[in-house]
């Protein structure tokens, strides 16, 4: 074996496979995440109390890099006001690609009249014919996302 062949060995199969896997999933920029959040209307909200984590489907609106949704008084509102910490996840699969965005932050029930006026202006309507008079704002502390090439 010559020294030239030792300096430029053929790539090992594991090296090329790792390179393909790295391309199969890429981090989204924060701006890309917000583009997806602004276009989305449905997500899954994670809330917690001292014992359990609960995941609830919600419809929401993104505005000025905050998220807003409506809810009724009950367990969800109680849990999010108990700790204030929430996570919201959205995703989509289309053909051979997919993406997922995760928002972690703090949630609070809106009570200030100016904040409520802004929330009402977002045309956020409940999907179900139920009374959801409480408005909640999520202020993100961290927004991350990934895109995936499936297959």
Protein backbone atom coordinates (compact mmCIF):
# COMPACT_ATOMS: atom_id res chain seq x y z
CA UNK A 1 0.00 0.00 0.00
CA UNK A 2 1.47 3.36 -0.97
CA UNK A 3 1.53 6.34 1.34
CA UNK A 4 -0.70 8.27 -1.10
CA UNK A 5 -3.57 5.84 -0.62
CA UNK A 6 -3.25 6.12 3.14
CA UNK A 7 -3.60 9.90 3.03
CA UNK A 8 -6.85 9.87 1.01
CA UNK A 9 -8.71 6.75 2.03
CA UNK A 10 -12.13 6.11 0.54
CA UNK A 11 -14.94 7.29 2.87
CA UNK A 12 -16.26 4.63 5.16
CA UNK A 13 -19.92 3.65 4.67
CA UNK A 14 -20.76 4.97 8.14
CA UNK A 15 -19.34 8.41 7.24
CA UNK A 16 -21.53 8.82 4.17
CA UNK A 17 -24.60 7.52 6.03
CA UNK A 18 -24.05 10.03 8.85
CA UNK A 19 -23.71 12.81 6.26
CA UNK A 20 -27.04 11.83 4.65
CA UNK A 21 -28.75 11.72 8.04
CA UNK A 22 -27.44 15.19 8.90
CA UNK A 23 -29.04 16.55 5.71
CA UNK A 24 -32.35 14.79 6.48
CA UNK A 25 -33.05 17.12 9.41
CA UNK A 26 -32.18 20.81 9.68
CA UNK A 27 -32.78 23.40 12.35
CA UNK A 28 -35.15 26.21 11.41
CA UNK A 29 -34.20 29.80 12.15
CA UNK A 30 -36.34 31.72 14.61
CA UNK A 31 -37.73 33.80 11.73
CA UNK A 32 -38.70 30.61 9.86
CA UNK A 33 -40.40 29.32 13.01
CA UNK A 34 -42.42 32.53 13.26
CA UNK A 35 -43.47 32.27 9.61
CA UNK A 36 -44.94 28.84 10.39
CA UNK A 37 -46.53 30.09 13.62
CA UNK A 38 -48.11 33.07 11.87
CA UNK A 39 -49.62 30.81 9.21
CA UNK A 40 -50.85 28.15 11.65
CA UNK A 41 -54.17 28.19 13.45
CA UNK A 42 -54.00 24.87 15.30
CA UNK A 43 -51.52 23.51 17.83
CA UNK A 44 -51.12 21.40 20.93
CA UNK A 45 -50.72 23.18 24.25
CA UNK A 46 -48.87 21.52 27.12
CA UNK A 47 -49.72 22.71 30.63
CA UNK A 48 -48.73 21.26 33.96
CA UNK A 49 -49.79 21.22 37.56
CA UNK A 50 -47.81 19.79 40.46
CA UNK A 51 -48.61 16.21 39.38
CA UNK A 52 -49.25 15.91 35.65
CA UNK A 53 -48.64 17.35 32.22
CA UNK A 54 -51.72 17.79 30.07
CA UNK A 55 -51.71 18.26 26.28
CA UNK A 56 -54.72 19.99 24.75
CA UNK A 57 -55.48 20.87 21.12
CA UNK A 58 -56.14 24.59 20.70
CA UNK A 59 -56.65 27.12 17.96
CA UNK A 60 -54.50 30.22 18.30
CA UNK A 61 -53.24 33.32 16.54
CA UNK A 62 -49.68 34.68 16.44
CA UNK A 63 -49.30 38.45 16.65
CA UNK A 64 -46.23 40.57 17.37
CA UNK A 65 -44.23 37.44 18.33
CA UNK A 66 -46.75 36.39 20.96
CA UNK A 67 -49.46 33.74 20.80
CA UNK A 68 -53.10 34.18 21.78
CA UNK A 69 -55.95 31.76 22.36
CA UNK A 70 -59.35 31.68 24.00
CA UNK A 71 -60.49 29.26 26.64
CA UNK A 72 -63.28 28.63 29.09
CA UNK A 73 -62.83 28.66 32.82
CA UNK A 74 -61.77 25.22 33.90
CA UNK A 75 -58.84 22.86 34.25
CA UNK A 76 -56.74 24.24 31.37
CA UNK A 77 -57.01 27.82 32.59
CA UNK A 78 -56.34 26.72 36.16
CA UNK A 79 -53.21 24.74 35.18
CA UNK A 80 -51.70 27.51 33.11
CA UNK A 81 -52.29 30.12 35.80
CA UNK A 82 -50.91 27.76 38.46
CA UNK A 83 -47.39 27.66 37.04
CA UNK A 84 -47.52 30.00 34.06
CA UNK A 85 -45.21 27.67 32.15
CA UNK A 86 -46.49 26.22 28.90
CA UNK A 87 -45.29 24.74 25.64
CA UNK A 88 -47.02 24.82 22.28
CA UNK A 89 -46.17 22.57 19.34
CA UNK A 90 -47.23 22.78 15.70
CA UNK A 91 -46.19 20.53 12.84
CA UNK A 92 -47.03 19.52 9.32
CA UNK A 93 -46.25 16.66 6.97
CA UNK A 94 -46.59 17.24 3.22
CA UNK A 95 -45.30 14.68 0.73
CA UNK A 96 -41.74 13.77 1.62
CA UNK A 97 -41.09 16.74 3.90
CA UNK A 98 -42.19 17.73 7.39
CA UNK A 99 -41.51 20.43 9.93
CA UNK A 100 -42.14 20.97 13.61
CA UNK A 101 -42.02 24.13 15.75
CA UNK A 102 -41.92 24.21 19.56
CA UNK A 103 -42.65 27.31 21.63
CA UNK A 104 -41.79 27.36 25.31
CA UNK A 105 -42.91 30.29 27.38
CA UNK A 106 -45.12 31.79 30.00
CA UNK A 107 -48.88 32.14 29.71
CA UNK A 108 -51.21 34.49 31.46
CA UNK A 109 -54.87 35.32 31.37
CA UNK A 110 -55.45 38.79 29.95
CA UNK A 111 -57.34 41.20 32.18
CA UNK A 112 -56.12 44.65 31.08
CA UNK A 113 -58.66 46.38 28.83
CA UNK A 114 -56.07 47.47 26.22
CA UNK A 115 -54.64 43.94 26.03
CA UNK A 116 -58.13 42.46 25.73
CA UNK A 117 -58.95 44.93 22.96
CA UNK A 118 -55.85 43.83 21.04
CA UNK A 119 -56.70 40.14 21.54
CA UNK A 120 -60.29 40.70 20.34
CA UNK A 121 -58.99 42.47 17.22
CA UNK A 122 -57.21 39.26 16.17
CA UNK A 123 -60.51 37.63 15.14
CA UNK A 124 -59.77 34.56 17.22
CA UNK A 125 -62.94 32.49 17.26
CA UNK A 126 -63.44 29.15 19.01
CA UNK A 127 -63.90 26.21 16.64
CA UNK A 128 -66.48 24.61 18.90
CA UNK A 129 -69.78 26.23 19.75
CA UNK A 130 -68.82 26.70 23.37
CA UNK A 131 -68.38 29.78 25.49
CA UNK A 132 -64.69 30.65 25.64
CA UNK A 133 -64.59 34.14 27.02
CA UNK A 134 -61.12 34.12 28.56
CA UNK A 135 -58.17 35.32 26.48
CA UNK A 136 -54.68 33.98 27.15
CA UNK A 137 -51.36 35.32 25.93
CA UNK A 138 -48.24 33.20 25.61
CA UNK A 139 -44.99 35.14 25.74
CA UNK A 140 -42.31 32.88 24.27
CA UNK A 141 -38.99 32.44 26.03
CA UNK A 142 -37.69 29.97 23.44
CA UNK A 143 -38.81 29.16 19.89
CA UNK A 144 -37.19 26.25 18.03
CA UNK A 145 -37.99 24.15 15.01
CA UNK A 146 -36.73 21.54 12.60
CA UNK A 147 -37.48 20.55 9.04
CA UNK A 148 -37.23 16.93 7.93
CA UNK A 149 -36.80 15.10 4.68
CA UNK A 150 -38.79 11.90 5.05
CA UNK A 151 -37.98 8.60 3.53
